[in-house]
């Protein structure tokens, strides 16, 4: 057994004492540092206890999403429903009846593509896992609109408000599934009507003429909408403003528009999901890490967390 180490003042050392240099051999006598991979595997094992929320799995070709780190705010019971404590349970807890899984736990995490942004409180995403289904749906829409049935089946009478239809988008001349939001009669009673339509698989709106509409066949109408409406959870405009500023919306858009991000659903509010978004790290930067979009907007003074004092 080696003698115990004791700290003494320099004046108490013997006159002939020589300070030895630290060598690699001396360092090797210490306990080795635990391997990071083993720590990660143990943490994963702890997080998979019965009754806890599971993270939604992704396709085999996609990387697993990172775990959401907590924001610098007091813990919230809604977050705890999705991300339960990762400490290992005590023996008595292991024998107890597992708690019922919160309905919020069914959402978990998933990779999404942000397709349209109105503000940080209203934007639309598509699930990456549904990309093959969306491609097939778009193929069927294009095929039907090229067919004779589409030409013969033009709206007679024209569609009304909230009715489904197929609408041609002026930007690329392609046809998409849509829903009529509003109908504008011709000016001075002459010319065709104009229709405000909502593209249900992408989340954007446009005004089109009646000639750019086709009826929605029942086979295409049975498919669920691909665009998922979302709002950033627990976030409000900075300085107590009632509406998001253009600067805040542009800052949000510069982070996520057209980007694949990791989305965590915290809650469902009316037709919108309250979510957290994580921007994926830059693969070309070794030290880069996932970035919370909410935390970034607060950091650049474009948003506040709900209940946080105004700056």
C-alpha atoms as a PDB file:
ATOM      1  CA  UNK A   1       0.000   0.000   0.000  1.00  0.00           C
ATOM      2  CA  UNK A   2       1.335   3.418  -0.966  1.00  0.00           C
ATOM      3  CA  UNK A   3       1.657   6.018   1.824  1.00  0.00           C
ATOM      4  CA  UNK A   4      -1.140   8.540   2.083  1.00  0.00           C
ATOM      5  CA  UNK A   5      -0.600  11.819   0.297  1.00  0.00           C
ATOM      6  CA  UNK A   6      -0.337  14.862   2.567  1.00  0.00           C
ATOM      7  CA  UNK A   7      -0.181  18.531   1.632  1.00  0.00           C
ATOM      8  CA  UNK A   8       2.519  20.522   3.490  1.00  0.00           C
ATOM      9  CA  UNK A   9       3.913  24.029   3.214  1.00  0.00           C
ATOM     10  CA  UNK A  10       7.107  24.500   1.219  1.00  0.00           C
ATOM     11  CA  UNK A  11       8.910  25.723   4.378  1.00  0.00           C
ATOM     12  CA  UNK A  12       8.206  22.353   6.069  1.00  0.00           C
ATOM     13  CA  UNK A  13       9.958  20.303   3.361  1.00  0.00           C
ATOM     14  CA  UNK A  14      13.399  18.804   4.100  1.00  0.00           C
ATOM     15  CA  UNK A  15      16.320  20.760   2.666  1.00  0.00           C
ATOM     16  CA  UNK A  16      17.343  17.812   0.501  1.00  0.00           C
ATOM     17  CA  UNK A  17      13.819  17.255  -0.905  1.00  0.00           C
ATOM     18  CA  UNK A  18      13.669  17.025  -4.695  1.00  0.00           C
ATOM     19  CA  UNK A  19      10.391  17.516  -6.613  1.00  0.00           C
ATOM     20  CA  UNK A  20       9.990  14.687  -9.092  1.00  0.00           C
ATOM     21  CA  UNK A  21       8.585  15.297 -12.584  1.00  0.00           C
ATOM     22  CA  UNK A  22       5.301  13.608 -13.475  1.00  0.00           C
ATOM     23  CA  UNK A  23       5.899  10.790 -15.944  1.00  0.00           C
ATOM     24  CA  UNK A  24       3.486   8.841 -18.171  1.00  0.00           C
ATOM     25  CA  UNK A  25       4.095   5.790 -15.996  1.00  0.00           C
ATOM     26  CA  UNK A  26       2.853   7.684 -12.945  1.00  0.00           C
ATOM     27  CA  UNK A  27      -0.288   8.739 -14.792  1.00  0.00           C
ATOM     28  CA  UNK A  28      -0.983   5.177 -15.929  1.00  0.00           C
ATOM     29  CA  UNK A  29      -1.257   4.061 -12.316  1.00  0.00           C
ATOM     30  CA  UNK A  30      -4.463   6.077 -11.917  1.00  0.00           C
ATOM     31  CA  UNK A  31      -7.867   4.597 -12.626  1.00  0.00           C
ATOM     32  CA  UNK A  32      -8.628   4.828 -16.355  1.00  0.00           C
ATOM     33  CA  UNK A  33     -11.333   7.224 -17.507  1.00  0.00           C
ATOM     34  CA  UNK A  34     -14.542   5.429 -18.386  1.00  0.00           C
ATOM     35  CA  UNK A  35     -15.180   5.023 -22.072  1.00  0.00           C
ATOM     36  CA  UNK A  36     -17.706   7.534 -23.446  1.00  0.00           C
ATOM     37  CA  UNK A  37     -19.499   4.886 -25.479  1.00  0.00           C
ATOM     38  CA  UNK A  38     -20.130   2.761 -22.399  1.00  0.00           C
ATOM     39  CA  UNK A  39     -21.523   5.771 -20.539  1.00  0.00           C
ATOM     40  CA  UNK A  40     -23.827   6.496 -23.468  1.00  0.00           C
ATOM     41  CA  UNK A  41     -25.035   2.895 -23.645  1.00  0.00           C
ATOM     42  CA  UNK A  42     -25.757   2.870 -19.909  1.00  0.00           C
ATOM     43  CA  UNK A  43     -27.691   6.126 -20.208  1.00  0.00           C
ATOM     44  CA  UNK A  44     -29.734   4.650 -23.050  1.00  0.00           C
ATOM     45  CA  UNK A  45     -30.501   1.577 -20.981  1.00  0.00           C
ATOM     46  CA  UNK A  46     -31.692   3.766 -18.118  1.00  0.00           C
ATOM     47  CA  UNK A  47     -33.959   5.789 -20.410  1.00  0.00           C
ATOM     48  CA  UNK A  48     -35.755   2.688 -21.704  1.00  0.00           C
ATOM     49  CA  UNK A  49     -37.500   1.791 -18.448  1.00  0.00           C
ATOM     50  CA  UNK A  50     -41.109   0.532 -18.668  1.00  0.00           C
ATOM     51  CA  UNK A  51     -43.683   3.285 -18.660  1.00  0.00           C
ATOM     52  CA  UNK A  52     -41.355   5.936 -20.020  1.00  0.00           C
ATOM     53  CA  UNK A  53     -41.867   7.792 -23.300  1.00  0.00           C
ATOM     54  CA  UNK A  54     -39.994   6.362 -26.241  1.00  0.00           C
ATOM     55  CA  UNK A  55     -38.269   8.479 -28.866  1.00  0.00           C
ATOM     56  CA  UNK A  56     -39.852   7.896 -32.271  1.00  0.00           C
ATOM     57  CA  UNK A  57     -37.516   5.820 -34.436  1.00  0.00           C
ATOM     58  CA  UNK A  58     -36.423   7.067 -37.855  1.00  0.00           C
ATOM     59  CA  UNK A  59     -35.721   5.264 -41.106  1.00  0.00           C
ATOM     60  CA  UNK A  60     -32.605   3.133 -41.133  1.00  0.00           C
ATOM     61  CA  UNK A  61     -30.856   5.448 -43.573  1.00  0.00           C
ATOM     62  CA  UNK A  62     -31.375   8.534 -41.409  1.00  0.00           C
ATOM     63  CA  UNK A  63     -29.212   9.374 -38.369  1.00  0.00           C
ATOM     64  CA  UNK A  64     -30.856   9.054 -34.985  1.00  0.00           C
ATOM     65  CA  UNK A  65     -32.001  12.457 -33.676  1.00  0.00           C
ATOM     66  CA  UNK A  66     -30.202  13.960 -30.674  1.00  0.00           C
ATOM     67  CA  UNK A  67     -31.924  14.177 -27.328  1.00  0.00           C
ATOM     68  CA  UNK A  68     -33.442  17.549 -26.546  1.00  0.00           C
ATOM     69  CA  UNK A  69     -31.492  19.456 -23.913  1.00  0.00           C
ATOM     70  CA  UNK A  70     -33.445  21.475 -21.406  1.00  0.00           C
ATOM     71  CA  UNK A  71     -33.722  25.218 -21.951  1.00  0.00           C
ATOM     72  CA  UNK A  72     -32.491  27.595 -19.240  1.00  0.00           C
ATOM     73  CA  UNK A  73     -35.868  27.757 -17.545  1.00  0.00           C
ATOM     74  CA  UNK A  74     -37.628  26.030 -14.637  1.00  0.00           C
ATOM     75  CA  UNK A  75     -38.654  22.438 -15.436  1.00  0.00           C
ATOM     76  CA  UNK A  76     -42.102  21.960 -16.903  1.00  0.00           C
ATOM     77  CA  UNK A  77     -44.354  18.962 -16.368  1.00  0.00           C
ATOM     78  CA  UNK A  78     -45.159  18.880 -20.096  1.00  0.00           C
ATOM     79  CA  UNK A  79     -41.488  18.383 -20.912  1.00  0.00           C
ATOM     80  CA  UNK A  80     -41.220  15.714 -18.238  1.00  0.00           C
ATOM     81  CA  UNK A  81     -43.950  13.763 -20.020  1.00  0.00           C
ATOM     82  CA  UNK A  82     -41.813  13.558 -23.145  1.00  0.00           C
ATOM     83  CA  UNK A  83     -38.370  13.431 -21.564  1.00  0.00           C
ATOM     84  CA  UNK A  84     -38.611  11.597 -18.207  1.00  0.00           C
ATOM     85  CA  UNK A  85     -35.771  11.538 -15.693  1.00  0.00           C
ATOM     86  CA  UNK A  86     -32.872   9.355 -16.770  1.00  0.00           C
ATOM     87  CA  UNK A  87     -31.674   8.297 -13.300  1.00  0.00           C
ATOM     88  CA  UNK A  88     -31.798   4.580 -12.623  1.00  0.00           C
ATOM     89  CA  UNK A  89     -34.815   3.640 -10.474  1.00  0.00           C
ATOM     90  CA  UNK A  90     -34.378   2.375  -6.948  1.00  0.00           C
ATOM     91  CA  UNK A  91     -35.145  -1.315  -6.213  1.00  0.00           C
ATOM     92  CA  UNK A  92     -38.417  -0.338  -4.582  1.00  0.00           C
ATOM     93  CA  UNK A  93     -39.411   1.773  -7.584  1.00  0.00           C
ATOM     94  CA  UNK A  94     -38.621  -1.113  -9.915  1.00  0.00           C
ATOM     95  CA  UNK A  95     -41.110  -3.312  -8.084  1.00  0.00           C
ATOM     96  CA  UNK A  96     -43.817  -0.637  -8.136  1.00  0.00           C
ATOM     97  CA  UNK A  97     -46.504  -0.460 -10.795  1.00  0.00           C
ATOM     98  CA  UNK A  98     -45.139   1.535 -13.774  1.00  0.00           C
ATOM     99  CA  UNK A  99     -46.823   4.936 -14.191  1.00  0.00           C
ATOM    100  CA  UNK A 100     -49.301   5.431 -17.012  1.00  0.00           C
ATOM    101  CA  UNK A 101     -47.741   6.915 -20.136  1.00  0.00           C
ATOM    102  CA  UNK A 102     -48.793  10.505 -20.784  1.00  0.00           C
ATOM    103  CA  UNK A 103     -50.593  11.041 -24.099  1.00  0.00           C
ATOM    104  CA  UNK A 104     -47.861  13.558 -24.960  1.00  0.00           C
ATOM    105  CA  UNK A 105     -45.322  10.767 -24.981  1.00  0.00           C
ATOM    106  CA  UNK A 106     -46.754   9.317 -28.173  1.00  0.00           C
ATOM    107  CA  UNK A 107     -45.257  12.138 -30.270  1.00  0.00           C
ATOM    108  CA  UNK A 108     -41.564  11.799 -29.441  1.00  0.00           C
ATOM    109  CA  UNK A 109     -39.014  13.129 -31.920  1.00  0.00           C
ATOM    110  CA  UNK A 110     -38.993  13.038 -35.697  1.00  0.00           C
ATOM    111  CA  UNK A 111     -37.122  14.594 -38.591  1.00  0.00           C
ATOM    112  CA  UNK A 112     -39.159  17.151 -40.532  1.00  0.00           C
ATOM    113  CA  UNK A 113     -38.729  19.571 -43.420  1.00  0.00           C
ATOM    114  CA  UNK A 114     -39.958  23.129 -42.842  1.00  0.00           C
ATOM    115  CA  UNK A 115     -41.970  24.013 -45.965  1.00  0.00           C
ATOM    116  CA  UNK A 116     -43.752  27.292 -45.183  1.00  0.00           C
ATOM    117  CA  UNK A 117     -43.392  29.983 -42.501  1.00  0.00           C
ATOM    118  CA  UNK A 118     -45.837  32.702 -41.512  1.00  0.00           C
ATOM    119  CA  UNK A 119     -44.236  33.438 -38.139  1.00  0.00           C
ATOM    120  CA  UNK A 120     -42.608  31.515 -35.273  1.00  0.00           C
ATOM    121  CA  UNK A 121     -46.181  30.966 -34.039  1.00  0.00           C
ATOM    122  CA  UNK A 122     -47.451  29.463 -37.312  1.00  0.00           C
ATOM    123  CA  UNK A 123     -45.447  27.409 -39.740  1.00  0.00           C
ATOM    124  CA  UNK A 124     -45.775  24.102 -41.579  1.00  0.00           C
ATOM    125  CA  UNK A 125     -43.589  21.029 -41.827  1.00  0.00           C
ATOM    126  CA  UNK A 126     -43.565  17.724 -43.685  1.00  0.00           C
ATOM    127  CA  UNK A 127     -42.462  14.509 -41.997  1.00  0.00           C
ATOM    128  CA  UNK A 128     -39.343  13.093 -43.620  1.00  0.00           C
ATOM    129  CA  UNK A 129     -40.660   9.593 -42.971  1.00  0.00           C
ATOM    130  CA  UNK A 130     -43.590  10.377 -45.300  1.00  0.00           C
ATOM    131  CA  UNK A 131     -41.424  11.530 -48.223  1.00  0.00           C
ATOM    132  CA  UNK A 132     -42.008   8.357 -50.324  1.00  0.00           C
ATOM    133  CA  UNK A 133     -45.752   8.645 -49.717  1.00  0.00           C
ATOM    134  CA  UNK A 134     -45.709  12.313 -50.749  1.00  0.00           C
ATOM    135  CA  UNK A 135     -43.792  11.581 -53.958  1.00  0.00           C
ATOM    136  CA  UNK A 136     -46.295   8.898 -54.915  1.00  0.00           C
ATOM    137  CA  UNK A 137     -49.200  11.223 -54.124  1.00  0.00           C
ATOM    138  CA  UNK A 138     -47.740  13.992 -56.295  1.00  0.00           C
ATOM    139  CA  UNK A 139     -47.261  11.498 -59.150  1.00  0.00           C
ATOM    140  CA  UNK A 140     -50.923  10.496 -58.965  1.00  0.00           C
ATOM    141  CA  UNK A 141     -52.051  14.136 -58.878  1.00  0.00           C
ATOM    142  CA  UNK A 142     -49.999  15.002 -61.972  1.00  0.00           C
ATOM    143  CA  UNK A 143     -51.201  11.886 -63.805  1.00  0.00           C
ATOM    144  CA  UNK A 144     -54.855  12.638 -63.115  1.00  0.00           C
ATOM    145  CA  UNK A 145     -54.569  16.301 -64.154  1.00  0.00           C
ATOM    146  CA  UNK A 146     -53.066  15.246 -67.490  1.00  0.00           C
ATOM    147  CA  UNK A 147     -55.902  12.820 -68.170  1.00  0.00           C
ATOM    148  CA  UNK A 148     -59.129  13.392 -70.074  1.00  0.00           C
ATOM    149  CA  UNK A 149     -61.244  12.920 -66.952  1.00  0.00           C
ATOM    150  CA  UNK A 150     -59.662  16.012 -65.439  1.00  0.00           C
ATOM    151  CA  UNK A 151     -60.502  18.152 -68.472  1.00  0.00           C
ATOM    152  CA  UNK A 152     -64.098  16.924 -68.611  1.00  0.00           C
ATOM    153  CA  UNK A 153     -64.530  17.222 -64.870  1.00  0.00           C
ATOM    154  CA  UNK A 154     -63.890  20.935 -64.452  1.00  0.00           C
ATOM    155  CA  UNK A 155     -65.941  22.416 -61.657  1.00  0.00           C
ATOM    156  CA  UNK A 156     -69.570  22.902 -62.679  1.00  0.00           C
ATOM    157  CA  UNK A 157     -70.618  24.604 -60.520  1.00  0.00           C
ATOM    158  CA  UNK A 158     -67.259  26.027 -59.312  1.00  0.00           C
ATOM    159  CA  UNK A 159     -65.986  25.044 -55.843  1.00  0.00           C
ATOM    160  CA  UNK A 160     -67.216  26.808 -52.762  1.00  0.00           C
ATOM    161  CA  UNK A 161     -65.459  27.888 -49.602  1.00  0.00           C
ATOM    162  CA  UNK A 162     -63.754  25.062 -47.628  1.00  0.00           C
ATOM    163  CA  UNK A 163     -64.201  22.607 -50.507  1.00  0.00           C
ATOM    164  CA  UNK A 164     -61.262  20.441 -51.662  1.00  0.00           C
ATOM    165  CA  UNK A 165     -59.823  20.815 -55.144  1.00  0.00           C
ATOM    166  CA  UNK A 166     -56.640  20.509 -57.184  1.00  0.00           C
ATOM    167  CA  UNK A 167     -54.940  23.840 -57.889  1.00  0.00           C
ATOM    168  CA  UNK A 168     -52.102  24.742 -60.213  1.00  0.00           C
ATOM    169  CA  UNK A 169     -49.314  26.724 -58.569  1.00  0.00           C
ATOM    170  CA  UNK A 170     -48.110  29.645 -60.676  1.00  0.00           C
ATOM    171  CA  UNK A 171     -44.514  29.315 -59.516  1.00  0.00           C
ATOM    172  CA  UNK A 172     -43.849  25.935 -61.145  1.00  0.00           C
ATOM    173  CA  UNK A 173     -47.069  25.235 -63.142  1.00  0.00           C
ATOM    174  CA  UNK A 174     -47.552  21.979 -61.223  1.00  0.00           C
ATOM    175  CA  UNK A 175     -50.786  20.710 -59.686  1.00  0.00           C
ATOM    176  CA  UNK A 176     -51.265  20.235 -55.957  1.00  0.00           C
ATOM    177  CA  UNK A 177     -54.016  19.227 -53.583  1.00  0.00           C
ATOM    178  CA  UNK A 178     -55.709  22.267 -52.093  1.00  0.00           C
ATOM    179  CA  UNK A 179     -58.719  23.587 -50.187  1.00  0.00           C
ATOM    180  CA  UNK A 180     -60.637  26.743 -51.075  1.00  0.00           C
ATOM    181  CA  UNK A 181     -60.193  29.400 -48.380  1.00  0.00           C
ATOM    182  CA  UNK A 182     -62.188  32.192 -50.005  1.00  0.00           C
ATOM    183  CA  UNK A 183     -63.900  33.101 -53.277  1.00  0.00           C
ATOM    184  CA  UNK A 184     -63.582  36.544 -54.869  1.00  0.00           C
ATOM    185  CA  UNK A 185     -66.254  37.478 -57.442  1.00  0.00           C
ATOM    186  CA  UNK A 186     -65.176  39.155 -60.689  1.00  0.00           C
ATOM    187  CA  UNK A 187     -64.674  42.888 -60.594  1.00  0.00           C
ATOM    188  CA  UNK A 188     -67.591  44.859 -61.991  1.00  0.00           C
ATOM    189  CA  UNK A 189     -69.334  41.577 -62.713  1.00  0.00           C
ATOM    190  CA  UNK A 190     -67.045  40.678 -65.613  1.00  0.00           C
ATOM    191  CA  UNK A 191     -64.377  38.017 -65.929  1.00  0.00           C
ATOM    192  CA  UNK A 192     -63.741  34.831 -63.947  1.00  0.00           C
ATOM    193  CA  UNK A 193     -63.788  34.436 -60.189  1.00  0.00           C
ATOM    194  CA  UNK A 194     -60.563  34.249 -58.212  1.00  0.00           C
ATOM    195  CA  UNK A 195     -59.975  31.680 -55.483  1.00  0.00           C
ATOM    196  CA  UNK A 196     -57.755  31.823 -52.432  1.00  0.00           C
ATOM    197  CA  UNK A 197     -56.532  28.252 -51.931  1.00  0.00           C
ATOM    198  CA  UNK A 198     -54.520  26.555 -49.207  1.00  0.00           C
ATOM    199  CA  UNK A 199     -52.109  23.862 -50.415  1.00  0.00           C
ATOM    200  CA  UNK A 200     -52.767  21.152 -47.852  1.00  0.00           C
ATOM    201  CA  UNK A 201     -49.497  19.251 -48.373  1.00  0.00           C
ATOM    202  CA  UNK A 202     -47.193  22.285 -48.123  1.00  0.00           C
ATOM    203  CA  UNK A 203     -48.944  24.900 -45.980  1.00  0.00           C
ATOM    204  CA  UNK A 204     -48.787  27.929 -48.306  1.00  0.00           C
ATOM    205  CA  UNK A 205     -51.670  29.878 -49.866  1.00  0.00           C
ATOM    206  CA  UNK A 206     -52.168  31.538 -53.252  1.00  0.00           C
ATOM    207  CA  UNK A 207     -54.861  33.262 -55.287  1.00  0.00           C
ATOM    208  CA  UNK A 208     -55.668  31.498 -58.565  1.00  0.00           C
ATOM    209  CA  UNK A 209     -58.174  31.840 -61.381  1.00  0.00           C
ATOM    210  CA  UNK A 210     -60.982  29.349 -61.843  1.00  0.00           C
ATOM    211  CA  UNK A 211     -59.272  27.885 -64.912  1.00  0.00           C
ATOM    212  CA  UNK A 212     -56.407  26.785 -62.659  1.00  0.00           C
ATOM    213  CA  UNK A 213     -58.667  24.522 -60.604  1.00  0.00           C
ATOM    214  CA  UNK A 214     -59.655  20.894 -61.060  1.00  0.00           C
ATOM    215  CA  UNK A 215     -62.023  18.707 -59.012  1.00  0.00           C
ATOM    216  CA  UNK A 216     -60.472  16.500 -56.364  1.00  0.00           C
ATOM    217  CA  UNK A 217     -61.134  12.814 -57.137  1.00  0.00           C
ATOM    218  CA  UNK A 218     -62.205  10.823 -54.098  1.00  0.00           C
ATOM    219  CA  UNK A 219     -59.150   8.550 -54.297  1.00  0.00           C
ATOM    220  CA  UNK A 220     -56.833  11.543 -53.788  1.00  0.00           C
ATOM    221  CA  UNK A 221     -59.069  13.173 -51.200  1.00  0.00           C
ATOM    222  CA  UNK A 222     -58.845  10.178 -48.865  1.00  0.00           C
ATOM    223  CA  UNK A 223     -55.141  10.797 -48.221  1.00  0.00           C
ATOM    224  CA  UNK A 224     -54.417  12.816 -45.080  1.00  0.00           C
ATOM    225  CA  UNK A 225     -52.862  16.290 -45.365  1.00  0.00           C
ATOM    226  CA  UNK A 226     -49.056  16.127 -45.466  1.00  0.00           C
ATOM    227  CA  UNK A 227     -48.489  19.630 -44.065  1.00  0.00           C
ATOM    228  CA  UNK A 228     -48.425  19.704 -40.255  1.00  0.00           C
ATOM    229  CA  UNK A 229     -49.210  23.069 -38.645  1.00  0.00           C
ATOM    230  CA  UNK A 230     -46.859  23.994 -35.800  1.00  0.00           C
ATOM    231  CA  UNK A 231     -46.015  26.760 -33.346  1.00  0.00           C
ATOM    232  CA  UNK A 232     -42.823  27.169 -31.304  1.00  0.00           C
ATOM    233  CA  UNK A 233     -43.671  26.059 -27.789  1.00  0.00           C
ATOM    234  CA  UNK A 234     -43.570  28.486 -24.860  1.00  0.00           C
ATOM    235  CA  UNK A 235     -42.332  31.411 -26.963  1.00  0.00           C
ATOM    236  CA  UNK A 236     -43.689  34.937 -27.480  1.00  0.00           C
ATOM    237  CA  UNK A 237     -42.417  38.045 -29.290  1.00  0.00           C
ATOM    238  CA  UNK A 238     -39.750  40.052 -27.493  1.00  0.00           C
ATOM    239  CA  UNK A 239     -40.516  43.179 -25.448  1.00  0.00           C
ATOM    240  CA  UNK A 240     -44.140  42.196 -24.944  1.00  0.00           C
ATOM    241  CA  UNK A 241     -45.113  42.847 -28.558  1.00  0.00           C
ATOM    242  CA  UNK A 242     -48.481  41.495 -29.702  1.00  0.00           C
ATOM    243  CA  UNK A 243     -47.201  40.386 -33.125  1.00  0.00           C
ATOM    244  CA  UNK A 244     -43.946  38.953 -34.406  1.00  0.00           C
ATOM    245  CA  UNK A 245     -41.717  41.509 -36.073  1.00  0.00           C
ATOM    246  CA  UNK A 246     -40.453  40.921 -39.620  1.00  0.00           C
ATOM    247  CA  UNK A 247     -36.947  40.703 -38.150  1.00  0.00           C
ATOM    248  CA  UNK A 248     -37.975  37.866 -35.822  1.00  0.00           C
ATOM    249  CA  UNK A 249     -39.743  35.961 -38.595  1.00  0.00           C
ATOM    250  CA  UNK A 250     -36.779  36.412 -40.940  1.00  0.00           C
ATOM    251  CA  UNK A 251     -34.374  35.238 -38.226  1.00  0.00           C
ATOM    252  CA  UNK A 252     -36.508  32.143 -37.689  1.00  0.00           C
ATOM    253  CA  UNK A 253     -36.755  31.505 -41.425  1.00  0.00           C
ATOM    254  CA  UNK A 254     -32.990  31.831 -41.913  1.00  0.00           C
ATOM    255  CA  UNK A 255     -32.500  28.979 -39.440  1.00  0.00           C
ATOM    256  CA  UNK A 256     -35.058  26.460 -40.646  1.00  0.00           C
ATOM    257  CA  UNK A 257     -36.627  27.286 -44.020  1.00  0.00           C
ATOM    258  CA  UNK A 258     -36.059  24.381 -46.394  1.00  0.00           C
ATOM    259  CA  UNK A 259     -33.988  22.621 -43.712  1.00  0.00           C
ATOM    260  CA  UNK A 260     -34.361  19.171 -42.215  1.00  0.00           C
ATOM    261  CA  UNK A 261     -34.633  19.660 -38.442  1.00  0.00           C
ATOM    262  CA  UNK A 262     -35.511  17.486 -35.463  1.00  0.00           C
ATOM    263  CA  UNK A 263     -38.983  18.277 -34.112  1.00  0.00           C
ATOM    264  CA  UNK A 264     -40.259  17.384 -30.660  1.00  0.00           C
ATOM    265  CA  UNK A 265     -44.001  17.804 -30.081  1.00  0.00           C
ATOM    266  CA  UNK A 266     -44.726  19.079 -26.574  1.00  0.00           C
ATOM    267  CA  UNK A 267     -48.462  19.670 -26.813  1.00  0.00           C
ATOM    268  CA  UNK A 268     -51.397  19.940 -29.223  1.00  0.00           C
ATOM    269  CA  UNK A 269     -53.188  23.300 -29.299  1.00  0.00           C
ATOM    270  CA  UNK A 270     -56.200  23.459 -31.589  1.00  0.00           C
ATOM    271  CA  UNK A 271     -54.928  22.749 -35.113  1.00  0.00           C
ATOM    272  CA  UNK A 272     -51.286  23.508 -34.261  1.00  0.00           C
ATOM    273  CA  UNK A 273     -48.650  21.420 -32.540  1.00  0.00           C
ATOM    274  CA  UNK A 274     -46.541  23.159 -29.909  1.00  0.00           C
ATOM    275  CA  UNK A 275     -43.024  22.042 -30.774  1.00  0.00           C
ATOM    276  CA  UNK A 276     -39.328  22.463 -30.142  1.00  0.00           C
ATOM    277  CA  UNK A 277     -37.015  22.426 -33.151  1.00  0.00           C
ATOM    278  CA  UNK A 278     -33.371  21.390 -33.144  1.00  0.00           C
ATOM    279  CA  UNK A 279     -31.208  22.499 -36.044  1.00  0.00           C
ATOM    280  CA  UNK A 280     -28.861  19.673 -37.000  1.00  0.00           C
ATOM    281  CA  UNK A 281     -25.103  20.237 -36.517  1.00  0.00           C
ATOM    282  CA  UNK A 282     -22.882  21.141 -39.449  1.00  0.00           C
ATOM    283  CA  UNK A 283     -21.122  17.945 -40.524  1.00  0.00           C
ATOM    284  CA  UNK A 284     -18.105  19.974 -41.675  1.00  0.00           C
ATOM    285  CA  UNK A 285     -17.546  21.397 -38.180  1.00  0.00           C
ATOM    286  CA  UNK A 286     -16.374  18.765 -35.705  1.00  0.00           C
ATOM    287  CA  UNK A 287     -17.232  20.856 -32.650  1.00  0.00           C
ATOM    288  CA  UNK A 288     -20.708  21.828 -33.882  1.00  0.00           C
ATOM    289  CA  UNK A 289     -23.719  20.556 -31.910  1.00  0.00           C
ATOM    290  CA  UNK A 290     -27.532  20.614 -32.286  1.00  0.00           C
ATOM    291  CA  UNK A 291     -28.965  24.088 -31.825  1.00  0.00           C
ATOM    292  CA  UNK A 292     -32.286  24.883 -30.182  1.00  0.00           C
ATOM    293  CA  UNK A 293     -34.206  27.280 -32.418  1.00  0.00           C
ATOM    294  CA  UNK A 294     -36.136  28.662 -29.446  1.00  0.00           C
ATOM    295  CA  UNK A 295     -32.979  29.332 -27.459  1.00  0.00           C
ATOM    296  CA  UNK A 296     -31.401  31.043 -30.475  1.00  0.00           C
ATOM    297  CA  UNK A 297     -34.327  33.434 -30.963  1.00  0.00           C
ATOM    298  CA  UNK A 298     -34.228  34.347 -27.272  1.00  0.00           C
ATOM    299  CA  UNK A 299     -30.435  34.777 -27.387  1.00  0.00           C
ATOM    300  CA  UNK A 300     -30.633  37.296 -30.268  1.00  0.00           C
ATOM    301  CA  UNK A 301     -33.414  39.202 -28.445  1.00  0.00           C
ATOM    302  CA  UNK A 302     -36.136  38.381 -30.974  1.00  0.00           C
ATOM    303  CA  UNK A 303     -38.294  36.328 -28.558  1.00  0.00           C
ATOM    304  CA  UNK A 304     -38.975  35.642 -24.890  1.00  0.00           C
ATOM    305  CA  UNK A 305     -39.986  32.488 -23.091  1.00  0.00           C
ATOM    306  CA  UNK A 306     -43.532  32.614 -21.721  1.00  0.00           C
ATOM    307  CA  UNK A 307     -43.444  34.097 -18.230  1.00  0.00           C
ATOM    308  CA  UNK A 308     -39.910  35.474 -18.627  1.00  0.00           C
ATOM    309  CA  UNK A 309     -39.502  39.179 -17.783  1.00  0.00           C
ATOM    310  CA  UNK A 310     -39.145  41.562 -20.700  1.00  0.00           C
ATOM    311  CA  UNK A 311     -35.640  42.834 -21.286  1.00  0.00           C
END
